[in-house]
Amino acid sequence: MKKTKGRCKFCGTDVTLNLFDPGRQWFSEKWLVDMAACNRCADFMEKRRGIHENVRRLVVQWSRHTSGAKPEDLREPLQGHRKVLKDGLTAMMKDWLATMNEYFKTNIAWDESVMNLLLDKNTNVNTVLLQCERMLRQETPVAALRVGRAVFPIQ
């Protein structure tokens, strides 16, 4: 095992890497150092990825239940299922916002208009999430985390 210094590729924090011999056989030391992430950023990225996947799945389910729906289809039996989907998606998005606020050290309040964007049939889920993330990045007091420009509403 070899210890080497590097910088987190997300926030720029100094990190110490423990490079094990099997990994060094397959990858160059420079590549491993360039891929370094601090624990805080790595944990955030992993949680963010999981939430993105779950939000995408719920939006797909939502669109399946609303695409081509006739007024008579919007009656009680499907309304209950839609309410469960919407409530689950809202809870997941609030969790996403809490995760983002914690990582970016901001205090952005929940806004229901994000749900309207997500549930719109013509909106790409990834676009909505990335635009929201860019807005949070712009509000962060941590200069290293500020990148990108957000524009709302999404066009």
Protein backbone atom coordinates (compact mmCIF):
# COMPACT_ATOMS: atom_id res chain seq x y z
CA MET A 1 0.00 0.00 0.00
CA LYS A 2 1.19 3.47 -0.88
CA LYS A 3 -0.11 6.75 0.53
CA THR A 4 -0.27 9.74 -1.76
CA LYS A 5 -1.79 13.21 -1.63
CA GLY A 6 -4.46 14.47 -4.00
CA ARG A 7 -7.38 16.87 -4.29
CA CYS A 8 -11.08 16.08 -4.39
CA LYS A 9 -12.21 16.46 -7.99
CA PHE A 10 -15.55 17.92 -6.84
CA CYS A 11 -14.73 20.44 -4.10
CA GLY A 12 -10.93 20.73 -4.21
CA THR A 13 -10.32 19.57 -0.63
CA ASP A 14 -6.95 17.95 0.07
CA VAL A 15 -7.28 14.19 0.44
CA THR A 16 -4.88 11.38 1.32
CA LEU A 17 -5.24 8.31 -0.85
CA ASN A 18 -4.32 4.79 0.19
CA LEU A 19 -3.37 3.12 -3.09
CA PHE A 20 -3.36 -0.65 -2.79
CA ASP A 21 -1.08 -2.73 -4.99
CA PRO A 22 -3.84 -4.52 -6.98
CA GLY A 23 -5.34 -1.17 -7.98
CA ARG A 24 -1.97 0.23 -8.92
CA GLN A 25 -1.39 -2.72 -11.24
CA TRP A 26 -4.53 -1.93 -13.25
CA PHE A 27 -4.59 1.87 -13.12
CA SER A 28 -1.89 4.51 -13.25
CA GLU A 29 -1.26 6.45 -10.08
CA LYS A 30 -2.01 9.71 -11.87
CA TRP A 31 -5.43 8.41 -12.99
CA LEU A 32 -6.29 7.29 -9.46
CA VAL A 33 -5.23 10.65 -8.00
CA ASP A 34 -7.27 12.50 -10.65
CA MET A 35 -10.36 10.43 -9.70
CA ALA A 36 -10.00 11.18 -5.98
CA ALA A 37 -13.02 12.38 -4.03
CA CYS A 38 -13.32 13.28 -0.38
CA ASN A 39 -15.75 11.22 1.72
CA ARG A 40 -18.27 14.06 1.89
CA CYS A 41 -18.44 14.45 -1.90
CA ALA A 42 -18.41 10.71 -2.58
CA ASP A 43 -21.28 10.12 -0.14
CA PHE A 44 -23.22 13.01 -1.66
CA MET A 45 -22.72 11.80 -5.23
CA GLU A 46 -23.84 8.29 -4.32
CA LYS A 47 -26.98 9.49 -2.54
CA ARG A 48 -27.72 11.94 -5.37
CA ARG A 49 -27.44 9.17 -7.96
CA GLY A 50 -29.86 6.95 -6.04
CA ILE A 51 -32.41 9.73 -5.64
CA HIS A 52 -32.16 10.64 -9.34
CA GLU A 53 -32.85 7.02 -10.31
CA ASN A 54 -35.85 6.77 -7.98
CA VAL A 55 -37.30 10.09 -9.16
CA ARG A 56 -36.96 8.96 -12.79
CA ARG A 57 -38.78 5.71 -12.02
CA LEU A 58 -41.65 7.48 -10.27
CA VAL A 59 -42.02 10.02 -13.09
CA VAL A 60 -42.14 7.17 -15.63
CA GLN A 61 -44.88 5.48 -13.58
CA TRP A 62 -46.73 8.79 -13.36
CA SER A 63 -46.57 9.31 -17.12
CA ARG A 64 -47.81 5.76 -17.75
CA HIS A 65 -50.88 6.44 -15.62
CA THR A 66 -51.64 9.81 -17.18
CA SER A 67 -50.67 9.44 -20.84
CA GLY A 68 -53.69 9.05 -23.04
CA ALA A 69 -56.00 9.14 -20.03
CA LYS A 70 -59.59 10.06 -20.86
CA PRO A 71 -61.71 12.04 -18.39
CA GLU A 72 -63.57 8.89 -17.36
CA ASP A 73 -60.20 7.24 -16.55
CA LEU A 74 -59.44 9.97 -14.01
CA ARG A 75 -62.09 8.70 -11.61
CA GLU A 76 -61.62 7.26 -8.17
CA PRO A 77 -59.64 3.99 -8.67
CA LEU A 78 -56.77 5.59 -10.60
CA GLN A 79 -56.95 8.84 -8.64
CA GLY A 80 -55.90 6.96 -5.50
CA HIS A 81 -52.89 5.45 -7.27
CA ARG A 82 -51.95 8.82 -8.73
CA LYS A 83 -52.15 10.41 -5.28
CA VAL A 84 -49.80 7.76 -3.88
CA LEU A 85 -47.35 8.35 -6.76
CA LYS A 86 -47.49 12.12 -6.39
CA ASP A 87 -47.07 11.97 -2.60
CA GLY A 88 -44.11 9.57 -2.98
CA LEU A 89 -42.51 11.81 -5.58
CA THR A 90 -43.03 14.89 -3.40
CA ALA A 91 -41.42 13.15 -0.41
CA MET A 92 -38.50 12.02 -2.56
CA MET A 93 -37.98 15.52 -3.97
CA LYS A 94 -38.04 17.01 -0.47
CA ASP A 95 -35.38 14.47 0.54
CA TRP A 96 -33.42 15.45 -2.57
CA LEU A 97 -33.67 19.13 -1.61
CA ALA A 98 -32.54 18.39 1.95
CA THR A 99 -29.54 16.48 0.57
CA MET A 100 -28.70 19.35 -1.79
CA ASN A 101 -29.08 21.98 0.94
CA GLU A 102 -26.78 20.00 3.23
CA TYR A 103 -24.10 19.51 0.58
CA PHE A 104 -24.17 23.05 -0.83
CA LYS A 105 -24.61 24.60 2.63
CA THR A 106 -27.69 26.52 1.53
CA ASN A 107 -31.17 26.89 2.96
CA ILE A 108 -33.44 26.87 -0.08
CA ALA A 109 -37.11 26.29 0.76
CA TRP A 110 -39.31 23.69 -0.97
CA ASP A 111 -41.24 25.03 -3.96
CA GLU A 112 -44.23 23.10 -5.33
CA SER A 113 -43.58 24.43 -8.86
CA VAL A 114 -40.77 21.87 -9.19
CA MET A 115 -43.42 19.14 -8.96
CA ASN A 116 -45.42 20.79 -11.73
CA LEU A 117 -42.33 20.73 -13.94
CA LEU A 118 -41.58 17.09 -13.14
CA LEU A 119 -45.13 15.96 -13.82
CA ASP A 120 -45.38 17.83 -17.11
CA LYS A 121 -45.35 15.29 -19.95
CA ASN A 122 -43.03 17.39 -22.12
CA THR A 123 -40.29 17.94 -19.54
CA ASN A 124 -37.14 15.87 -19.23
CA VAL A 125 -36.62 14.78 -15.60
CA ASN A 126 -32.84 15.10 -15.81
CA THR A 127 -33.16 18.65 -17.11
CA VAL A 128 -35.38 19.68 -14.19
CA LEU A 129 -33.09 18.12 -11.58
CA LEU A 130 -29.92 19.55 -13.11
CA GLN A 131 -31.42 23.05 -13.44
CA CYS A 132 -32.50 22.92 -9.78
CA GLU A 133 -29.03 21.77 -8.81
CA ARG A 134 -27.45 24.64 -10.75
CA MET A 135 -29.69 27.10 -8.91
CA LEU A 136 -28.55 25.64 -5.58
CA ARG A 137 -24.92 25.84 -6.69
CA GLN A 138 -25.33 29.54 -7.45
CA GLU A 139 -26.60 30.17 -3.92
CA THR A 140 -23.81 28.31 -2.11
CA PRO A 141 -21.36 30.31 -0.02
CA VAL A 142 -18.63 27.77 -0.92
CA ALA A 143 -16.89 29.18 -3.98
CA ALA A 144 -15.46 25.80 -5.04
CA LEU A 145 -18.99 24.38 -5.44
CA ARG A 146 -20.32 27.25 -7.58
CA VAL A 147 -20.52 26.35 -11.29
CA GLY A 148 -23.01 26.63 -14.13
CA ARG A 149 -25.90 28.96 -14.75
CA ALA A 150 -29.54 28.12 -14.13
CA VAL A 151 -32.44 29.53 -16.06
CA PHE A 152 -36.05 29.03 -15.01
CA PRO A 153 -38.55 28.32 -16.35
CA ILE A 154 -37.09 25.56 -18.46
CA GLN A 155 -37.71 26.28 -22.11
